[in-house]
């Protein structure tokens, strides 16, 4: 999901006395490239809590990211989640699980993947899901540039064919990540007709209306209609929630959770697949050394960032890989908070403390960090990191630019470092597209990161279909990327949804409650239920 943040004027110069930011409470949109998502606003005051008359079997969602209209993010992505489905879906642990395909198996020594389709599936226009229809829809999805960018293992498919009641994918090479990537939505025709529990009935500037699909193969939803109302700001969305004009707000900033949660509203939090990080341009001489990049990782107190900026909502980042992945090895020690060790490492790499000059503070290392304008949460995280780095003699100066320039410079590698909130899980396919060799892989590695060992291990994971092999390669990859980190990994973050207790929320622990809306019912006793 995409979301925006509040604007401020970022302090660029003095580190010793970073001036307070003047925060404006307004939302904006952010960069589609690589699925990067940002969230930050200060709590807003609600108005009257007098509820409007009940709207039976209608769930109204307030969506404050209204300016984003593509299918891949923001409002478009929200609609896609209700209306479209893929052959598989991905669990929190990174495993592919059945969706439109009920099972799959490798054939031809790993060079073919056979998928058995679920029976009884019907598209919204009445077309049954057959092997022929599914093969055609998947073949069309593979050709879309946006899909090929975000799902690079689709390029391993050389042919999609129907074989009796199955779909068979013939591959150019072994592609262990492919089942997870088959979560990409399947559609029919130019109208993008899907198979999801709701169908798009109306889309206008003031509202999107989704109607229950009575022929949904898992059972017709109890909620007859989902209405999505766009809002320019979180303040107006929250006010509408408190008044009872909407039943749900899709985003709750960390410092507003207690403000919103009361007897009529519950807040459901879940871990996001994104982490805040400062990615380095490894082509820049000052940041080319693994010793320097390790030192910067040990100079930062992640727990302090979580408590002081995120109000406790987050987990310390341990590296590039999703820590909840089934193959992740928790015995690999993350970066310790060790400022003295960071200083010693920087000194050993030749970065000694210089004297102040030209209005700059004394420093042993200076670099600039690119930041998108108008995203206050990123700015607040950046200021906290800036202060901690200053304590070890590192002068990180921010370069705040409009989002269009931020996007362009990121694509072109015109930065020393960049502060972002990047998708990094739940599969290993996400770090794969960012941290594979920039010389040998046409992905999103605009950071110039090159490491022969990590490249070899990424390739091993790409070909491994044996779990023991995957676990072994994962352990070694974690070690390699700890020794040579491509970024200053900060915090895995969380998201929260605010929901009226008028609805009985099916809470699958650790997952976005949006995934279960088709199972929700009106909640007459004000008690939420759990599938756990």
Protein backbone atom coordinates (compact mmCIF):
# COMPACT_ATOMS: atom_id res chain seq x y z
CA UNK A 1 0.00 0.00 0.00
CA UNK A 2 1.24 3.51 -0.66
CA UNK A 3 0.83 6.40 1.69
CA UNK A 4 2.14 9.87 2.20
CA UNK A 5 3.62 11.99 4.98
CA UNK A 6 3.62 15.49 6.44
CA UNK A 7 5.84 18.28 5.18
CA UNK A 8 8.63 20.07 7.00
CA UNK A 9 11.75 22.07 6.36
CA UNK A 10 14.65 19.71 6.96
CA UNK A 11 17.75 20.99 8.71
CA UNK A 12 20.69 20.50 6.37
CA UNK A 13 23.68 22.11 8.04
CA UNK A 14 24.51 22.13 11.74
CA UNK A 15 24.65 18.72 13.39
CA UNK A 16 25.51 19.94 16.87
CA UNK A 17 22.24 21.87 17.18
CA UNK A 18 19.71 20.34 14.81
CA UNK A 19 16.85 22.80 14.74
CA UNK A 20 13.28 21.74 15.27
CA UNK A 21 11.26 20.89 12.18
CA UNK A 22 8.08 22.77 11.50
CA UNK A 23 5.60 19.96 10.73
CA UNK A 24 2.56 20.56 8.55
CA UNK A 25 -0.23 18.03 8.86
CA UNK A 26 -0.99 17.11 5.31
CA UNK A 27 -0.66 13.93 3.30
CA UNK A 28 1.19 13.48 0.05
CA UNK A 29 2.01 10.61 -2.24
CA UNK A 30 5.26 8.86 -2.85
CA UNK A 31 7.31 7.13 -5.45
CA UNK A 32 5.98 3.96 -7.09
CA UNK A 33 9.44 2.65 -8.00
CA UNK A 34 10.29 -0.54 -5.99
CA UNK A 35 7.19 -0.38 -3.87
CA UNK A 36 8.68 2.05 -1.38
CA UNK A 37 6.11 3.24 1.12
CA UNK A 38 6.20 5.96 3.75
CA UNK A 39 3.94 6.83 6.72
CA UNK A 40 3.97 9.77 9.14
CA UNK A 41 1.62 12.32 10.59
CA UNK A 42 0.98 13.71 14.04
CA UNK A 43 -2.27 12.87 15.79
CA UNK A 44 -5.27 14.87 14.79
CA UNK A 45 -8.15 15.93 16.94
CA UNK A 46 -11.48 14.26 16.39
CA UNK A 47 -14.78 16.00 16.34
CA UNK A 48 -18.20 14.76 17.27
CA UNK A 49 -18.39 11.02 17.94
CA UNK A 50 -22.08 10.87 17.33
CA UNK A 51 -22.54 7.96 14.94
CA UNK A 52 -24.66 8.20 11.86
CA UNK A 53 -27.39 5.65 11.21
CA UNK A 54 -26.08 2.13 10.56
CA UNK A 55 -25.45 1.09 6.97
CA UNK A 56 -26.37 -2.58 7.02
CA UNK A 57 -23.97 -4.88 5.19
CA UNK A 58 -21.94 -1.92 3.89
CA UNK A 59 -18.35 -1.35 4.98
CA UNK A 60 -17.10 2.17 4.27
CA UNK A 61 -13.33 2.64 4.21
CA UNK A 62 -11.66 6.01 4.54
CA UNK A 63 -8.55 6.08 2.39
CA UNK A 64 -6.22 9.06 2.88
CA UNK A 65 -3.79 8.16 0.08
CA UNK A 66 -6.24 9.27 -2.56
CA UNK A 67 -3.79 10.91 -4.94
CA UNK A 68 -2.21 7.60 -5.94
CA UNK A 69 -4.21 5.99 -8.74
CA UNK A 70 -2.06 3.26 -10.28
CA UNK A 71 -2.84 -0.46 -10.03
CA UNK A 72 0.43 -1.19 -8.26
CA UNK A 73 0.15 1.07 -5.24
CA UNK A 74 -2.13 3.20 -3.12
CA UNK A 75 -5.83 3.21 -3.93
CA UNK A 76 -5.30 1.05 -7.00
CA UNK A 77 -3.55 -1.59 -4.95
CA UNK A 78 -6.32 -1.55 -2.35
CA UNK A 79 -8.91 -2.21 -5.06
CA UNK A 80 -6.75 -4.97 -6.51
CA UNK A 81 -6.57 -6.70 -3.14
CA UNK A 82 -10.36 -7.01 -3.05
CA UNK A 83 -11.02 -7.88 -6.69
CA UNK A 84 -8.06 -9.80 -8.11
CA UNK A 85 -6.15 -12.95 -7.14
CA UNK A 86 -3.04 -14.84 -8.18
CA UNK A 87 -2.29 -18.51 -8.57
CA UNK A 88 -0.55 -18.44 -5.17
CA UNK A 89 -0.37 -16.21 -2.13
CA UNK A 90 2.55 -15.64 0.23
CA UNK A 91 2.46 -16.24 3.98
CA UNK A 92 4.21 -14.10 6.57
CA UNK A 93 6.98 -16.73 6.64
CA UNK A 94 7.68 -16.29 2.93
CA UNK A 95 6.16 -19.58 1.81
CA UNK A 96 3.87 -19.75 -1.19
CA UNK A 97 0.45 -21.18 -0.34
CA UNK A 98 -2.50 -22.11 -2.58
CA UNK A 99 -4.84 -19.52 -4.06
CA UNK A 100 -6.22 -20.15 -7.55
CA UNK A 101 -3.80 -23.05 -7.85
CA UNK A 102 -4.46 -25.66 -5.18
CA UNK A 103 -1.08 -27.38 -5.59
CA UNK A 104 2.08 -27.45 -7.73
CA UNK A 105 5.12 -29.61 -8.32
CA UNK A 106 8.46 -29.41 -10.08
CA UNK A 107 9.07 -31.52 -13.17
CA UNK A 108 11.83 -32.03 -15.76
CA UNK A 109 14.60 -31.71 -13.16
CA UNK A 110 13.28 -28.37 -11.99
CA UNK A 111 12.84 -26.89 -15.46
CA UNK A 112 9.05 -27.10 -15.44
CA UNK A 113 6.42 -26.19 -12.86
CA UNK A 114 3.03 -27.88 -13.04
CA UNK A 115 0.10 -26.16 -11.30
CA UNK A 116 -3.18 -27.89 -10.52
CA UNK A 117 -5.99 -25.35 -10.59
CA UNK A 118 -8.67 -25.06 -7.95
CA UNK A 119 -12.07 -26.21 -9.20
CA UNK A 120 -15.21 -24.09 -9.19
CA UNK A 121 -13.48 -20.72 -9.72
CA UNK A 122 -15.37 -18.17 -11.79
CA UNK A 123 -14.35 -14.74 -13.01
CA UNK A 124 -16.66 -11.82 -12.31
CA UNK A 125 -17.98 -11.92 -15.88
CA UNK A 126 -18.98 -15.58 -15.51
CA UNK A 127 -15.97 -17.08 -17.30
CA UNK A 128 -14.84 -20.30 -15.60
CA UNK A 129 -11.17 -20.62 -14.66
CA UNK A 130 -9.88 -23.37 -16.94
CA UNK A 131 -6.30 -24.29 -17.71
CA UNK A 132 -6.59 -22.58 -21.09
CA UNK A 133 -8.00 -19.38 -19.61
CA UNK A 134 -5.44 -19.34 -16.79
CA UNK A 135 -2.53 -19.91 -19.19
CA UNK A 136 -3.68 -17.04 -21.38
CA UNK A 137 -4.15 -14.72 -18.41
CA UNK A 138 -0.75 -15.60 -16.92
CA UNK A 139 0.95 -15.15 -20.27
CA UNK A 140 -0.57 -11.66 -20.53
CA UNK A 141 0.49 -10.79 -16.98
CA UNK A 142 4.07 -11.85 -17.68
CA UNK A 143 4.37 -9.41 -20.58
CA UNK A 144 3.49 -6.34 -18.47
CA UNK A 145 6.63 -4.28 -17.76
CA UNK A 146 5.56 -3.42 -14.21
CA UNK A 147 5.14 -7.10 -13.37
CA UNK A 148 8.49 -8.07 -14.88
CA UNK A 149 10.21 -5.33 -12.86
CA UNK A 150 8.77 -6.35 -9.50
CA UNK A 151 8.72 -10.10 -10.22
CA UNK A 152 12.05 -10.74 -11.97
CA UNK A 153 11.72 -14.54 -11.95
CA UNK A 154 8.89 -14.32 -14.46
CA UNK A 155 11.70 -13.86 -16.96
CA UNK A 156 12.67 -17.50 -16.34
CA UNK A 157 9.41 -18.64 -17.98
CA UNK A 158 9.85 -19.46 -21.66
CA UNK A 159 6.37 -20.91 -22.24
CA UNK A 160 3.00 -21.08 -20.49
CA UNK A 161 0.78 -23.92 -21.65
CA UNK A 162 -2.40 -25.71 -20.72
CA UNK A 163 -1.99 -29.46 -20.24
CA UNK A 164 -5.35 -31.10 -19.66
CA UNK A 165 -6.62 -29.43 -16.45
CA UNK A 166 -3.19 -28.15 -15.38
CA UNK A 167 -1.07 -25.14 -16.26
CA UNK A 168 2.58 -25.92 -17.00
CA UNK A 169 5.39 -23.39 -16.99
CA UNK A 170 8.48 -24.33 -18.99
CA UNK A 171 11.59 -22.61 -17.67
CA UNK A 172 14.91 -21.50 -19.07
CA UNK A 173 16.59 -22.27 -15.74
CA UNK A 174 15.68 -23.48 -12.28
CA UNK A 175 13.65 -20.81 -10.52
CA UNK A 176 12.97 -21.62 -6.87
CA UNK A 177 11.43 -18.21 -6.17
CA UNK A 178 8.83 -18.59 -8.93
CA UNK A 179 5.95 -20.09 -6.85
CA UNK A 180 6.03 -17.03 -4.58
CA UNK A 181 5.99 -14.70 -7.57
CA UNK A 182 2.88 -16.34 -8.98
CA UNK A 183 0.93 -14.25 -6.47
CA UNK A 184 0.69 -11.61 -9.21
CA UNK A 185 -2.99 -11.02 -10.07
CA UNK A 186 -4.65 -12.73 -13.03
CA UNK A 187 -7.18 -10.75 -15.06
CA UNK A 188 -9.28 -11.13 -18.16
CA UNK A 189 -9.46 -8.60 -20.96
CA UNK A 190 -8.95 -4.83 -20.96
CA UNK A 191 -11.43 -4.41 -18.09
CA UNK A 192 -9.15 -6.44 -15.78
CA UNK A 193 -11.94 -8.76 -14.67
CA UNK A 194 -10.84 -10.81 -11.66
CA UNK A 195 -11.91 -13.66 -9.39
CA UNK A 196 -11.80 -11.95 -5.96
CA UNK A 197 -14.56 -11.81 -3.34
CA UNK A 198 -15.67 -8.37 -4.52
CA UNK A 199 -16.10 -6.90 -7.98
CA UNK A 200 -15.60 -3.30 -9.04
CA UNK A 201 -19.04 -1.73 -9.55
CA UNK A 202 -18.24 1.96 -9.71
CA UNK A 203 -15.16 4.17 -9.61
CA UNK A 204 -15.49 7.92 -9.32
CA UNK A 205 -13.63 10.84 -7.79
CA UNK A 206 -15.68 10.71 -4.58
CA UNK A 207 -16.00 6.97 -4.01
CA UNK A 208 -15.14 3.51 -5.24
CA UNK A 209 -17.92 0.94 -4.87
CA UNK A 210 -17.18 -2.78 -4.68
CA UNK A 211 -20.02 -5.28 -4.66
CA UNK A 212 -20.07 -8.75 -3.18
CA UNK A 213 -19.35 -11.50 -5.73
CA UNK A 214 -21.96 -14.11 -4.90
CA UNK A 215 -20.18 -16.83 -6.88
CA UNK A 216 -16.90 -16.50 -5.03
CA UNK A 217 -15.45 -19.99 -4.77
CA UNK A 218 -14.69 -19.75 -1.03
CA UNK A 219 -18.20 -18.54 -0.26
CA UNK A 220 -20.06 -15.29 -0.80
CA UNK A 221 -18.92 -12.50 1.55
CA UNK A 222 -21.31 -11.47 4.31
CA UNK A 223 -20.62 -7.81 3.56
CA UNK A 224 -22.70 -6.84 0.57
CA UNK A 225 -20.76 -3.74 -0.40
CA UNK A 226 -17.43 -2.08 0.28
CA UNK A 227 -17.29 1.66 -0.32
CA UNK A 228 -13.88 3.32 -0.42
CA UNK A 229 -13.94 7.05 0.17
CA UNK A 230 -10.79 9.03 -0.68
CA UNK A 231 -9.56 11.73 1.70
CA UNK A 232 -6.85 14.33 1.22
CA UNK A 233 -5.64 14.11 4.83
CA UNK A 234 -5.62 11.70 7.72
CA UNK A 235 -7.26 14.35 9.89
CA UNK A 236 -10.44 14.36 7.81
CA UNK A 237 -10.43 10.56 7.55
CA UNK A 238 -10.13 10.17 11.33
CA UNK A 239 -12.84 12.74 11.95
CA UNK A 240 -15.17 10.81 9.66
CA UNK A 241 -14.33 7.60 11.52
CA UNK A 242 -15.07 9.15 14.92
CA UNK A 243 -18.36 10.54 13.60
CA UNK A 244 -19.31 7.13 12.20
CA UNK A 245 -19.32 8.31 8.58
CA UNK A 246 -16.70 5.68 7.72
CA UNK A 247 -16.09 2.32 9.37
CA UNK A 248 -12.37 2.02 8.83
CA UNK A 249 -9.26 4.12 8.19
CA UNK A 250 -6.44 2.35 6.40
CA UNK A 251 -3.55 4.04 8.22
CA UNK A 252 -2.94 4.95 11.83
CA UNK A 253 0.37 6.67 12.68
CA UNK A 254 2.19 5.19 15.63
CA UNK A 255 1.61 8.18 17.87
CA UNK A 256 -2.15 8.18 17.21
CA UNK A 257 -3.00 4.58 18.16
CA UNK A 258 -4.03 5.40 21.75
CA UNK A 259 -5.90 8.47 20.56
CA UNK A 260 -8.12 6.48 18.20
CA UNK A 261 -8.71 3.26 20.10
CA UNK A 262 -11.82 3.42 22.31
CA UNK A 263 -15.01 1.49 23.00
CA UNK A 264 -16.23 2.06 19.45
CA UNK A 265 -12.96 1.69 17.54
CA UNK A 266 -10.28 -0.98 17.61
CA UNK A 267 -6.83 -0.69 16.12
CA UNK A 268 -5.31 -3.77 14.51
CA UNK A 269 -1.54 -3.64 14.02
CA UNK A 270 0.61 -5.97 11.94
CA UNK A 271 4.25 -6.09 10.81
CA UNK A 272 4.93 -4.63 7.40
CA UNK A 273 7.30 -6.13 4.89
CA UNK A 274 9.20 -2.86 4.73
CA UNK A 275 12.19 -1.55 6.58
CA UNK A 276 13.60 1.91 7.04
CA UNK A 277 17.18 2.06 5.83
CA UNK A 278 19.87 4.38 4.59
CA UNK A 279 21.14 2.74 1.42
CA UNK A 280 24.71 3.59 0.43
CA UNK A 281 26.06 4.36 -3.00
CA UNK A 282 28.94 1.91 -2.88
CA UNK A 283 30.56 3.60 -5.89
CA UNK A 284 31.40 6.65 -3.77
CA UNK A 285 34.96 6.33 -2.38
CA UNK A 286 34.03 7.26 1.20
CA UNK A 287 31.34 4.56 1.31
CA UNK A 288 33.00 1.87 -0.79
CA UNK A 289 34.68 0.11 2.14
CA UNK A 290 32.80 -2.68 3.98
CA UNK A 291 34.64 -1.55 7.13
CA UNK A 292 33.03 1.88 6.91
CA UNK A 293 29.58 0.47 6.21
CA UNK A 294 29.87 -1.95 9.14
CA UNK A 295 31.01 0.87 11.40
CA UNK A 296 27.99 2.99 10.49
CA UNK A 297 25.70 0.07 11.29
CA UNK A 298 27.23 -0.34 14.75
CA UNK A 299 27.02 3.40 15.49
CA UNK A 300 23.20 3.44 15.58
CA UNK A 301 20.93 2.53 18.49
CA UNK A 302 17.89 1.03 16.73
CA UNK A 303 15.91 0.57 19.93
CA UNK A 304 16.14 4.30 20.57
CA UNK A 305 14.74 5.04 17.11
CA UNK A 306 11.86 2.67 17.75
CA UNK A 307 10.99 4.21 21.10
CA UNK A 308 11.61 7.90 20.36
CA UNK A 309 10.26 8.10 16.81
CA UNK A 310 7.97 5.09 16.30
CA UNK A 311 6.43 4.94 19.78
CA UNK A 312 7.59 1.34 20.16
CA UNK A 313 6.00 0.12 16.91
CA UNK A 314 8.75 -1.74 15.09
CA UNK A 315 11.60 -4.21 15.37
CA UNK A 316 15.32 -3.58 14.96
CA UNK A 317 16.47 -4.40 11.45
CA UNK A 318 19.10 -7.11 11.34
CA UNK A 319 20.02 -6.94 7.67
CA UNK A 320 18.63 -7.26 4.17
CA UNK A 321 16.60 -10.46 4.72
CA UNK A 322 13.10 -10.75 6.20
CA UNK A 323 13.62 -12.12 9.74
CA UNK A 324 10.30 -13.99 9.75
CA UNK A 325 11.22 -16.04 6.69
CA UNK A 326 11.11 -19.79 7.34
CA UNK A 327 14.78 -20.22 6.38
CA UNK A 328 16.12 -17.22 8.31
CA UNK A 329 18.78 -18.18 10.86
CA UNK A 330 18.27 -16.26 14.10
CA UNK A 331 21.67 -17.39 15.41
CA UNK A 332 23.41 -14.93 13.09
CA UNK A 333 24.10 -11.97 15.35
CA UNK A 334 22.85 -8.57 14.17
CA UNK A 335 24.90 -5.41 14.37
CA UNK A 336 25.50 -4.46 18.01
CA UNK A 337 25.17 -0.89 19.20
CA UNK A 338 28.85 -0.13 19.75
CA UNK A 339 29.82 3.54 19.25
CA UNK A 340 33.36 2.99 20.56
CA UNK A 341 33.83 0.09 18.15
CA UNK A 342 32.46 2.23 15.31
CA UNK A 343 35.04 4.93 16.05
CA UNK A 344 37.86 2.37 16.18
CA UNK A 345 36.77 0.86 12.85
CA UNK A 346 36.57 4.25 11.15
CA UNK A 347 40.01 5.15 12.51
CA UNK A 348 41.42 1.86 11.19
CA UNK A 349 40.00 2.70 7.75
CA UNK A 350 41.86 6.03 7.79
CA UNK A 351 39.00 8.29 8.80
CA UNK A 352 40.48 10.45 11.55
CA UNK A 353 38.71 13.37 13.16
CA UNK A 354 39.24 16.64 11.29
CA UNK A 355 38.94 20.12 12.69
CA UNK A 356 35.92 22.31 12.05
CA UNK A 357 36.10 24.62 9.05
CA UNK A 358 33.83 26.60 6.75
CA UNK A 359 31.00 26.48 9.30
CA UNK A 360 31.13 22.66 9.31
CA UNK A 361 31.56 20.72 12.54
CA UNK A 362 34.59 18.51 13.09
CA UNK A 363 34.13 15.10 11.50
CA UNK A 364 36.03 12.01 10.44
CA UNK A 365 33.58 11.22 7.63
CA UNK A 366 31.11 13.37 5.71
CA UNK A 367 28.45 12.32 3.23
CA UNK A 368 25.07 13.58 2.06
CA UNK A 369 21.81 11.67 2.37
CA UNK A 370 19.01 12.13 -0.14
CA UNK A 371 15.57 12.59 1.43
CA UNK A 372 12.17 13.17 -0.26
CA UNK A 373 10.49 16.42 0.72
CA UNK A 374 7.24 16.36 2.68
CA UNK A 375 7.69 13.03 4.49
CA UNK A 376 8.01 13.90 8.14
CA UNK A 377 8.40 10.37 9.50
CA UNK A 378 11.45 9.81 7.32
CA UNK A 379 12.77 13.19 8.36
CA UNK A 380 12.32 12.41 12.05
CA UNK A 381 14.07 9.06 11.64
CA UNK A 382 16.81 10.78 9.67
CA UNK A 383 17.37 13.39 12.37
CA UNK A 384 17.69 10.70 15.05
CA UNK A 385 20.23 8.79 12.95
CA UNK A 386 22.03 12.03 12.17
CA UNK A 387 22.46 12.81 15.88
CA UNK A 388 23.75 9.32 16.66
CA UNK A 389 26.25 9.38 13.79
CA UNK A 390 27.46 12.81 14.89
CA UNK A 391 28.39 11.25 18.24
CA UNK A 392 30.98 9.08 16.45
CA UNK A 393 32.29 11.93 14.30
CA UNK A 394 30.23 11.25 11.18
CA UNK A 395 28.63 14.27 9.52
CA UNK A 396 25.58 13.12 7.53
CA UNK A 397 24.10 16.13 5.77
CA UNK A 398 20.59 15.86 4.38
CA UNK A 399 19.68 16.83 0.87
CA UNK A 400 15.92 17.34 0.73
CA UNK A 401 14.45 17.34 -2.78
CA UNK A 402 10.97 17.10 -4.34
CA UNK A 403 9.75 13.58 -4.88
CA UNK A 404 10.14 13.74 -8.67
CA UNK A 405 13.79 14.72 -8.32
CA UNK A 406 14.27 12.13 -5.59
CA UNK A 407 12.92 9.46 -7.96
CA UNK A 408 15.09 10.56 -10.86
CA UNK A 409 18.29 10.81 -8.84
CA UNK A 410 17.66 7.45 -7.23
CA UNK A 411 17.22 5.75 -10.58
CA UNK A 412 20.38 7.41 -11.90
CA UNK A 413 22.52 6.76 -8.81
CA UNK A 414 23.12 10.47 -8.15
CA UNK A 415 23.48 10.32 -4.37
CA UNK A 416 25.92 9.38 -1.62
CA UNK A 417 23.22 7.73 0.45
CA UNK A 418 19.43 7.69 0.41
CA UNK A 419 16.90 7.37 3.21
CA UNK A 420 13.96 5.21 2.27
CA UNK A 421 11.34 2.75 3.42
CA UNK A 422 11.83 -0.22 1.16
CA UNK A 423 10.00 -3.48 0.67
CA UNK A 424 12.32 -6.27 1.81
CA UNK A 425 10.09 -9.28 2.43
CA UNK A 426 8.48 -11.64 3.00
CA UNK A 427 10.24 -13.57 0.23
CA UNK A 428 13.92 -13.47 -0.68
CA UNK A 429 12.87 -12.27 -4.11
CA UNK A 430 12.65 -8.72 -2.75
CA UNK A 431 16.25 -8.32 -1.50
CA UNK A 432 17.29 -10.24 -4.63
CA UNK A 433 16.16 -7.43 -6.93
CA UNK A 434 17.92 -4.74 -4.88
CA UNK A 435 21.22 -6.33 -3.83
CA UNK A 436 22.24 -8.66 -6.62
CA UNK A 437 25.23 -7.62 -8.69
CA UNK A 438 24.59 -4.31 -10.44
CA UNK A 439 26.92 -5.41 -13.21
CA UNK A 440 25.27 -8.75 -13.93
CA UNK A 441 21.60 -8.24 -13.10
CA UNK A 442 19.18 -5.71 -14.56
CA UNK A 443 17.18 -5.12 -11.41
CA UNK A 444 16.79 -2.27 -8.97
CA UNK A 445 20.38 -2.26 -7.72
CA UNK A 446 21.07 1.41 -8.37
CA UNK A 447 23.35 1.42 -5.33
CA UNK A 448 26.41 -0.07 -7.01
CA UNK A 449 26.65 -2.92 -4.51
CA UNK A 450 29.00 -5.68 -5.66
CA UNK A 451 29.96 -8.72 -3.63
CA UNK A 452 31.03 -11.97 -5.27
CA UNK A 453 29.99 -14.11 -2.30
CA UNK A 454 26.48 -12.68 -1.99
CA UNK A 455 26.04 -12.96 -5.76
CA UNK A 456 26.98 -16.64 -5.64
CA UNK A 457 24.57 -17.27 -2.75
CA UNK A 458 21.69 -15.42 -4.39
CA UNK A 459 22.22 -17.61 -7.44
CA UNK A 460 22.29 -20.72 -5.24
CA UNK A 461 18.99 -19.72 -3.63
CA UNK A 462 17.50 -19.08 -7.05
CA UNK A 463 18.16 -22.67 -8.08
CA UNK A 464 17.56 -24.45 -4.74
CA UNK A 465 14.31 -26.39 -4.29
CA UNK A 466 15.63 -28.48 -1.38
CA UNK A 467 14.87 -26.95 2.03
CA UNK A 468 18.18 -27.98 3.59
CA UNK A 469 20.04 -26.27 0.75
CA UNK A 470 17.93 -23.14 1.14
CA UNK A 471 18.63 -22.97 4.87
CA UNK A 472 22.37 -23.42 4.37
CA UNK A 473 22.56 -20.77 1.64
CA UNK A 474 20.44 -18.38 3.71
CA UNK A 475 22.74 -18.69 6.72
CA UNK A 476 25.80 -17.98 4.57
CA UNK A 477 24.05 -15.07 2.84
CA UNK A 478 23.16 -13.50 6.19
CA UNK A 479 26.80 -13.78 7.27
CA UNK A 480 28.10 -12.36 4.00
CA UNK A 481 25.77 -9.36 4.08
CA UNK A 482 26.63 -8.69 7.72
CA UNK A 483 30.30 -8.59 6.80
CA UNK A 484 29.61 -6.36 3.81
CA UNK A 485 26.33 -4.49 4.42
CA UNK A 486 25.00 -2.49 1.46
CA UNK A 487 22.96 -0.20 3.71
CA UNK A 488 22.49 1.09 7.22
CA UNK A 489 19.55 -1.14 8.13
CA UNK A 490 17.39 0.54 10.76
CA UNK A 491 13.91 -0.72 11.63
CA UNK A 492 11.27 -3.14 10.38
CA UNK A 493 8.08 -1.17 10.77
CA UNK A 494 4.42 -1.80 11.44
CA UNK A 495 1.11 -0.59 10.09
CA UNK A 496 -2.22 -0.26 11.86
CA UNK A 497 -5.84 -0.16 10.70
CA UNK A 498 -8.53 1.63 12.72
CA UNK A 499 -11.85 -0.24 12.49
CA UNK A 500 -15.31 0.40 13.88
CA UNK A 501 -16.43 -2.26 16.32
CA UNK A 502 -19.63 -2.43 14.31
CA UNK A 503 -17.81 -5.19 12.43
CA UNK A 504 -16.50 -8.52 13.65
CA UNK A 505 -12.87 -8.59 12.50
CA UNK A 506 -11.33 -11.93 11.59
CA UNK A 507 -7.81 -11.43 12.89
CA UNK A 508 -5.15 -13.70 11.41
CA UNK A 509 -2.27 -12.83 13.72
CA UNK A 510 0.57 -11.08 11.94
CA UNK A 511 -1.40 -10.42 8.73
CA UNK A 512 -3.15 -7.39 7.33
CA UNK A 513 -6.84 -7.58 8.33
CA UNK A 514 -7.75 -6.32 4.86
CA UNK A 515 -7.11 -9.87 3.63
CA UNK A 516 -10.04 -11.20 5.66
CA UNK A 517 -12.72 -8.57 4.99
CA UNK A 518 -14.64 -11.05 2.87
CA UNK A 519 -15.10 -13.06 6.10
CA UNK A 520 -16.19 -10.17 8.32
CA UNK A 521 -19.72 -9.88 9.65
CA UNK A 522 -21.63 -7.17 11.45
CA UNK A 523 -20.70 -7.34 15.10
CA UNK A 524 -23.76 -7.04 17.27
CA UNK A 525 -22.01 -8.03 20.52
CA UNK A 526 -18.96 -5.78 19.96
CA UNK A 527 -16.57 -8.73 20.34
CA UNK A 528 -13.79 -9.36 17.78
CA UNK A 529 -12.87 -12.90 16.87
CA UNK A 530 -9.62 -14.56 15.94
CA UNK A 531 -8.77 -17.44 13.67
CA UNK A 532 -5.90 -18.41 15.97
